[in-house]
Each structure stands twice: as structure tokens, then as C-alpha cells.
């Protein structure tokens, strides 16, 4: 979960930033905004999956439920 998650989020952020800049310079601000929103949603999904794995690990360590 550690370093791999950081690399995924950074890669997605870099890709989204480049696409947003290209689309903004081409005069397509609405599409650039949609790319940015989609990138945020994808990163939130990845982070939520990581948090879910963390909670499962904590439950197993402390023998909860």
C-alpha cells in the first residue's frame, strides 16, 4: 500500500495536469475542467480503496469483530 499508492496518485496527477494544460491552451476549458474532475474522482477512489485495506488490517491486528 505504501510507495506504490504514492506513485499511482502522482502519475495520475501529472497526467491530468498535462491534459488540462493542453486542453486549456486549445480553448477547450470545459473539457479541461471535466478531465480535472475525473482525475480527482479516480484519485479519491484509489485512496478510499487504500483506506479500506488499512481498516481491514487494523481489524485483523486487534482481532475486532
PDB file of N, CA and C in Angstrom:
ATOM      1  N   UNK A   1       0.814  -1.191   0.000  1.00  0.00           N
ATOM      2  CA  UNK A   1       0.000   0.000   0.000  1.00  0.00           C
ATOM      3  C   UNK A   1       0.858   1.256   0.000  1.00  0.00           C
ATOM      4  N   UNK A   2       2.055   1.241   0.473  1.00  0.00           N
ATOM      5  CA  UNK A   2       2.840   2.433   0.727  1.00  0.00           C
ATOM      6  C   UNK A   2       3.261   3.216  -0.499  1.00  0.00           C
ATOM      7  N   UNK A   3       4.453   2.917  -0.982  1.00  0.00           N
ATOM      8  CA  UNK A   3       5.066   3.711  -2.035  1.00  0.00           C
ATOM      9  C   UNK A   3       4.324   3.579  -3.359  1.00  0.00           C
ATOM     10  N   UNK A   4       3.766   2.424  -3.615  1.00  0.00           N
ATOM     11  CA  UNK A   4       3.025   2.181  -4.862  1.00  0.00           C
ATOM     12  C   UNK A   4       1.832   3.129  -4.983  1.00  0.00           C
ATOM     13  N   UNK A   5       1.134   3.345  -3.891  1.00  0.00           N
ATOM     14  CA  UNK A   5      -0.016   4.248  -3.880  1.00  0.00           C
ATOM     15  C   UNK A   5       0.408   5.687  -4.194  1.00  0.00           C
ATOM     16  N   UNK A   6       1.534   6.111  -3.629  1.00  0.00           N
ATOM     17  CA  UNK A   6       2.027   7.465  -3.871  1.00  0.00           C
ATOM     18  C   UNK A   6       2.397   7.644  -5.336  1.00  0.00           C
ATOM     19  N   UNK A   7       3.039   6.641  -5.921  1.00  0.00           N
ATOM     20  CA  UNK A   7       3.435   6.720  -7.326  1.00  0.00           C
ATOM     21  C   UNK A   7       2.203   6.758  -8.229  1.00  0.00           C
ATOM     22  N   UNK A   8       1.183   5.970  -7.924  1.00  0.00           N
ATOM     23  CA  UNK A   8      -0.045   5.980  -8.726  1.00  0.00           C
ATOM     24  C   UNK A   8      -0.720   7.358  -8.695  1.00  0.00           C
ATOM     25  N   UNK A   9      -0.856   7.908  -7.503  1.00  0.00           N
ATOM     26  CA  UNK A   9      -1.515   9.206  -7.356  1.00  0.00           C
ATOM     27  C   UNK A   9      -0.710  10.300  -8.052  1.00  0.00           C
ATOM     28  N   UNK A  10       0.602  10.273  -7.902  1.00  0.00           N
ATOM     29  CA  UNK A  10       1.444  11.278  -8.553  1.00  0.00           C
ATOM     30  C   UNK A  10       1.381  11.151 -10.074  1.00  0.00           C
ATOM     31  N   UNK A  11       1.368   9.933 -10.578  1.00  0.00           N
ATOM     32  CA  UNK A  11       1.276   9.716 -12.021  1.00  0.00           C
ATOM     33  C   UNK A  11      -0.035  10.214 -12.593  1.00  0.00           C
ATOM     34  N   UNK A  12      -1.111   9.916 -11.903  1.00  0.00           N
ATOM     35  CA  UNK A  12      -2.421  10.392 -12.359  1.00  0.00           C
ATOM     36  C   UNK A  12      -2.486  11.911 -12.297  1.00  0.00           C
ATOM     37  N   UNK A  13      -1.954  12.485 -11.239  1.00  0.00           N
ATOM     38  CA  UNK A  13      -1.945  13.940 -11.106  1.00  0.00           C
ATOM     39  C   UNK A  13      -1.143  14.610 -12.210  1.00  0.00           C
ATOM     40  N   UNK A  14       0.003  14.047 -12.532  1.00  0.00           N
ATOM     41  CA  UNK A  14       0.828  14.601 -13.600  1.00  0.00           C
ATOM     42  C   UNK A  14       0.127  14.503 -14.951  1.00  0.00           C
ATOM     43  N   UNK A  15      -0.465  13.359 -15.226  1.00  0.00           N
ATOM     44  CA  UNK A  15      -1.183  13.160 -16.488  1.00  0.00           C
ATOM     45  C   UNK A  15      -2.369  14.118 -16.609  1.00  0.00           C
ATOM     46  N   UNK A  16      -3.123  14.259 -15.540  1.00  0.00           N
ATOM     47  CA  UNK A  16      -4.282  15.153 -15.548  1.00  0.00           C
ATOM     48  C   UNK A  16      -3.838  16.602 -15.731  1.00  0.00           C
ATOM     49  N   UNK A  17      -2.757  16.987 -15.070  1.00  0.00           N
ATOM     50  CA  UNK A  17      -2.268  18.359 -15.196  1.00  0.00           C
ATOM     51  C   UNK A  17      -1.836  18.663 -16.630  1.00  0.00           C
ATOM     52  N   UNK A  18      -1.127  17.734 -17.245  1.00  0.00           N
ATOM     53  CA  UNK A  18      -0.684  17.937 -18.633  1.00  0.00           C
ATOM     54  C   UNK A  18      -1.879  18.026 -19.570  1.00  0.00           C
ATOM     55  N   UNK A  19      -2.830  17.115 -19.410  1.00  0.00           N
ATOM     56  CA  UNK A  19      -4.021  17.151 -20.269  1.00  0.00           C
ATOM     57  C   UNK A  19      -4.827  18.432 -20.070  1.00  0.00           C
ATOM     58  N   UNK A  20      -4.946  18.875 -18.836  1.00  0.00           N
ATOM     59  CA  UNK A  20      -5.702  20.101 -18.562  1.00  0.00           C
ATOM     60  C   UNK A  20      -5.023  21.314 -19.183  1.00  0.00           C
ATOM     61  N   UNK A  21      -3.710  21.371 -19.114  1.00  0.00           N
ATOM     62  CA  UNK A  21      -2.983  22.496 -19.719  1.00  0.00           C
ATOM     63  C   UNK A  21      -3.141  22.487 -21.229  1.00  0.00           C
ATOM     64  N   UNK A  22      -3.014  21.318 -21.833  1.00  0.00           N
ATOM     65  CA  UNK A  22      -3.161  21.212 -23.288  1.00  0.00           C
ATOM     66  C   UNK A  22      -4.558  21.626 -23.719  1.00  0.00           C
ATOM     67  N   UNK A  23      -5.566  21.134 -23.014  1.00  0.00           N
ATOM     68  CA  UNK A  23      -6.942  21.477 -23.381  1.00  0.00           C
ATOM     69  C   UNK A  23      -7.245  22.957 -23.144  1.00  0.00           C
ATOM     70  N   UNK A  24      -6.712  23.528 -22.080  1.00  0.00           N
ATOM     71  CA  UNK A  24      -6.932  24.946 -21.818  1.00  0.00           C
ATOM     72  C   UNK A  24      -6.291  25.808 -22.897  1.00  0.00           C
ATOM     73  N   UNK A  25      -5.089  25.449 -23.300  1.00  0.00           N
ATOM     74  CA  UNK A  25      -4.405  26.213 -24.345  1.00  0.00           C
ATOM     75  C   UNK A  25      -5.103  26.076 -25.694  1.00  0.00           C
ATOM     76  N   UNK A  26      -5.805  24.959 -25.899  1.00  0.00           N
ATOM     77  CA  UNK A  26      -6.540  24.755 -27.145  1.00  0.00           C
ATOM     78  C   UNK A  26      -7.908  25.446 -27.111  1.00  0.00           C
ATOM     79  N   UNK A  27      -8.236  26.074 -25.990  1.00  0.00           N
ATOM     80  CA  UNK A  27      -9.504  26.782 -25.888  1.00  0.00           C
ATOM     81  C   UNK A  27     -10.670  25.909 -25.471  1.00  0.00           C
ATOM     82  N   UNK A  28     -10.391  24.751 -24.952  1.00  0.00           N
ATOM     83  CA  UNK A  28     -11.448  23.834 -24.523  1.00  0.00           C
ATOM     84  C   UNK A  28     -11.446  23.750 -22.993  1.00  0.00           C
ATOM     85  N   UNK A  29     -11.867  24.840 -22.372  1.00  0.00           N
ATOM     86  CA  UNK A  29     -11.814  24.924 -20.911  1.00  0.00           C
ATOM     87  C   UNK A  29     -12.792  23.968 -20.236  1.00  0.00           C
ATOM     88  N   UNK A  30     -13.941  23.735 -20.859  1.00  0.00           N
ATOM     89  CA  UNK A  30     -14.925  22.826 -20.254  1.00  0.00           C
ATOM     90  C   UNK A  30     -14.383  21.394 -20.200  1.00  0.00           C
ATOM     91  N   UNK A  31     -13.740  20.964 -21.293  1.00  0.00           N
ATOM     92  CA  UNK A  31     -13.162  19.628 -21.308  1.00  0.00           C
ATOM     93  C   UNK A  31     -11.999  19.521 -20.320  1.00  0.00           C
ATOM     94  N   UNK A  32     -11.227  20.595 -20.186  1.00  0.00           N
ATOM     95  CA  UNK A  32     -10.128  20.592 -19.224  1.00  0.00           C
ATOM     96  C   UNK A  32     -10.662  20.451 -17.802  1.00  0.00           C
ATOM     97  N   UNK A  33     -11.771  21.121 -17.522  1.00  0.00           N
ATOM     98  CA  UNK A  33     -12.374  21.014 -16.198  1.00  0.00           C
ATOM     99  C   UNK A  33     -12.910  19.603 -15.953  1.00  0.00           C
ATOM    100  N   UNK A  34     -13.503  19.008 -16.975  1.00  0.00           N
ATOM    101  CA  UNK A  34     -14.010  17.634 -16.830  1.00  0.00           C
ATOM    102  C   UNK A  34     -12.873  16.635 -16.616  1.00  0.00           C
ATOM    103  N   UNK A  35     -11.747  16.842 -17.300  1.00  0.00           N
ATOM    104  CA  UNK A  35     -10.582  15.971 -17.094  1.00  0.00           C
ATOM    105  C   UNK A  35     -10.081  16.106 -15.663  1.00  0.00           C
ATOM    106  N   UNK A  36     -10.051  17.334 -15.156  1.00  0.00           N
ATOM    107  CA  UNK A  36      -9.598  17.556 -13.789  1.00  0.00           C
ATOM    108  C   UNK A  36     -10.530  16.901 -12.777  1.00  0.00           C
ATOM    109  N   UNK A  37     -11.811  17.053 -12.973  1.00  0.00           N
ATOM    110  CA  UNK A  37     -12.782  16.452 -12.054  1.00  0.00           C
ATOM    111  C   UNK A  37     -12.689  14.927 -12.110  1.00  0.00           C
ATOM    112  N   UNK A  38     -12.547  14.378 -13.306  1.00  0.00           N
ATOM    113  CA  UNK A  38     -12.408  12.930 -13.449  1.00  0.00           C
ATOM    114  C   UNK A  38     -11.148  12.436 -12.754  1.00  0.00           C
ATOM    115  N   UNK A  39     -10.053  13.179 -12.881  1.00  0.00           N
ATOM    116  CA  UNK A  39      -8.811  12.806 -12.206  1.00  0.00           C
ATOM    117  C   UNK A  39      -8.964  12.802 -10.696  1.00  0.00           C
ATOM    118  N   UNK A  40      -9.659  13.801 -10.169  1.00  0.00           N
ATOM    119  CA  UNK A  40      -9.885  13.858  -8.720  1.00  0.00           C
ATOM    120  C   UNK A  40     -10.725  12.664  -8.262  1.00  0.00           C
ATOM    121  N   UNK A  41     -11.738  12.326  -9.035  1.00  0.00           N
ATOM    122  CA  UNK A  41     -12.598  11.190  -8.672  1.00  0.00           C
ATOM    123  C   UNK A  41     -11.806   9.887  -8.685  1.00  0.00           C
ATOM    124  N   UNK A  42     -10.969   9.701  -9.694  1.00  0.00           N
ATOM    125  CA  UNK A  42     -10.162   8.476  -9.777  1.00  0.00           C
ATOM    126  C   UNK A  42      -9.191   8.391  -8.606  1.00  0.00           C
ATOM    127  N   UNK A  43      -8.545   9.505  -8.270  1.00  0.00           N
ATOM    128  CA  UNK A  43      -7.604   9.501  -7.141  1.00  0.00           C
ATOM    129  C   UNK A  43      -8.342   9.247  -5.832  1.00  0.00           C
ATOM    130  N   UNK A  44      -9.508   9.839  -5.648  1.00  0.00           N
ATOM    131  CA  UNK A  44     -10.285   9.576  -4.433  1.00  0.00           C
ATOM    132  C   UNK A  44     -10.669   8.111  -4.334  1.00  0.00           C
ATOM    133  N   UNK A  45     -11.024   7.497  -5.461  1.00  0.00           N
ATOM    134  CA  UNK A  45     -11.365   6.076  -5.472  1.00  0.00           C
ATOM    135  C   UNK A  45     -10.167   5.229  -5.044  1.00  0.00           C
ATOM    136  N   UNK A  46      -8.990   5.555  -5.559  1.00  0.00           N
ATOM    137  CA  UNK A  46      -7.781   4.806  -5.201  1.00  0.00           C
ATOM    138  C   UNK A  46      -7.462   4.985  -3.717  1.00  0.00           C
ATOM    139  N   UNK A  47      -7.579   6.211  -3.211  1.00  0.00           N
ATOM    140  CA  UNK A  47      -7.286   6.479  -1.801  1.00  0.00           C
ATOM    141  C   UNK A  47      -8.294   5.770  -0.895  1.00  0.00           C
ATOM    142  N   UNK A  48      -9.552   5.759  -1.280  1.00  0.00           N
ATOM    143  CA  UNK A  48     -10.568   5.082  -0.470  1.00  0.00           C
ATOM    144  C   UNK A  48     -10.306   3.580  -0.422  1.00  0.00           C
ATOM    145  N   UNK A  49      -9.866   3.002  -1.536  1.00  0.00           N
ATOM    146  CA  UNK A  49      -9.501   1.581  -1.529  1.00  0.00           C
ATOM    147  C   UNK A  49      -8.338   1.334  -0.573  1.00  0.00           C
ATOM    148  N   UNK A  50      -7.352   2.235  -0.584  1.00  0.00           N
ATOM    149  CA  UNK A  50      -6.219   2.102   0.334  1.00  0.00           C
ATOM    150  C   UNK A  50      -6.645   2.204   1.785  1.00  0.00           C
ATOM    151  N   UNK A  51      -7.557   3.128   2.085  1.00  0.00           N
ATOM    152  CA  UNK A  51      -8.062   3.253   3.454  1.00  0.00           C
ATOM    153  C   UNK A  51      -8.855   2.020   3.872  1.00  0.00           C
ATOM    154  N   UNK A  52      -9.586   1.456   2.941  1.00  0.00           N
ATOM    155  CA  UNK A  52     -10.330   0.236   3.237  1.00  0.00           C
ATOM    156  C   UNK A  52      -9.372  -0.895   3.597  1.00  0.00           C
ATOM    157  N   UNK A  53      -8.295  -1.028   2.839  1.00  0.00           N
ATOM    158  CA  UNK A  53      -7.291  -2.050   3.151  1.00  0.00           C
ATOM    159  C   UNK A  53      -6.663  -1.799   4.521  1.00  0.00           C
ATOM    160  N   UNK A  54      -6.433  -0.531   4.839  1.00  0.00           N
ATOM    161  CA  UNK A  54      -5.866  -0.184   6.136  1.00  0.00           C
ATOM    162  C   UNK A  54      -6.813  -0.573   7.274  1.00  0.00           C
ATOM    163  N   UNK A  55      -8.104  -0.297   7.120  1.00  0.00           N
ATOM    164  CA  UNK A  55      -9.068  -0.654   8.160  1.00  0.00           C
ATOM    165  C   UNK A  55      -9.176  -2.166   8.332  1.00  0.00           C
ATOM    166  N   UNK A  56      -9.100  -2.917   7.234  1.00  0.00           N
ATOM    167  CA  UNK A  56      -9.118  -4.379   7.330  1.00  0.00           C
ATOM    168  C   UNK A  56      -7.889  -4.867   8.080  1.00  0.00           C
ATOM    169  N   UNK A  57      -6.738  -4.255   7.813  1.00  0.00           N
ATOM    170  CA  UNK A  57      -5.513  -4.623   8.516  1.00  0.00           C
ATOM    171  C   UNK A  57      -5.606  -4.318  10.007  1.00  0.00           C
ATOM    172  N   UNK A  58      -6.150  -3.158  10.363  1.00  0.00           N
ATOM    173  CA  UNK A  58      -6.303  -2.785  11.769  1.00  0.00           C
ATOM    174  C   UNK A  58      -7.266  -3.749  12.466  1.00  0.00           C
ATOM    175  N   UNK A  59      -8.361  -4.090  11.781  1.00  0.00           N
ATOM    176  CA  UNK A  59      -9.309  -5.044  12.374  1.00  0.00           C
ATOM    177  C   UNK A  59      -8.655  -6.390  12.618  1.00  0.00           C
ATOM    178  N   UNK A  60      -7.815  -6.842  11.699  1.00  0.00           N
ATOM    179  CA  UNK A  60      -7.182  -8.147  11.870  1.00  0.00           C
ATOM    180  C   UNK A  60      -6.102  -8.108  12.950  1.00  0.00           C
ATOM    181  N   UNK A  61      -5.399  -6.977  13.087  1.00  0.00           N
ATOM    182  CA  UNK A  61      -4.345  -6.869  14.096  1.00  0.00           C
ATOM    183  C   UNK A  61      -4.943  -6.875  15.497  1.00  0.00           C
ATOM    184  N   UNK A  62      -6.033  -6.158  15.692  1.00  0.00           N
ATOM    185  CA  UNK A  62      -6.641  -6.062  17.006  1.00  0.00           C
ATOM    186  C   UNK A  62      -7.764  -7.059  17.226  1.00  0.00           C
ATOM    187  N   UNK A  63      -7.972  -7.982  16.291  1.00  0.00           N
ATOM    188  CA  UNK A  63      -8.996  -9.027  16.379  1.00  0.00           C
ATOM    189  C   UNK A  63     -10.376  -8.442  16.671  1.00  0.00           C
ATOM    190  N   UNK A  64     -10.746  -7.424  15.917  1.00  0.00           N
ATOM    191  CA  UNK A  64     -12.060  -6.815  16.086  1.00  0.00           C
ATOM    192  C   UNK A  64     -13.068  -7.574  15.208  1.00  0.00           C
ATOM    193  N   UNK A  65     -14.266  -7.735  15.714  1.00  0.00           N
ATOM    194  CA  UNK A  65     -15.363  -8.418  15.057  1.00  0.00           C
ATOM    195  C   UNK A  65     -15.025  -9.831  14.818  1.00  0.00           C
TER     196      UNK A  65
END
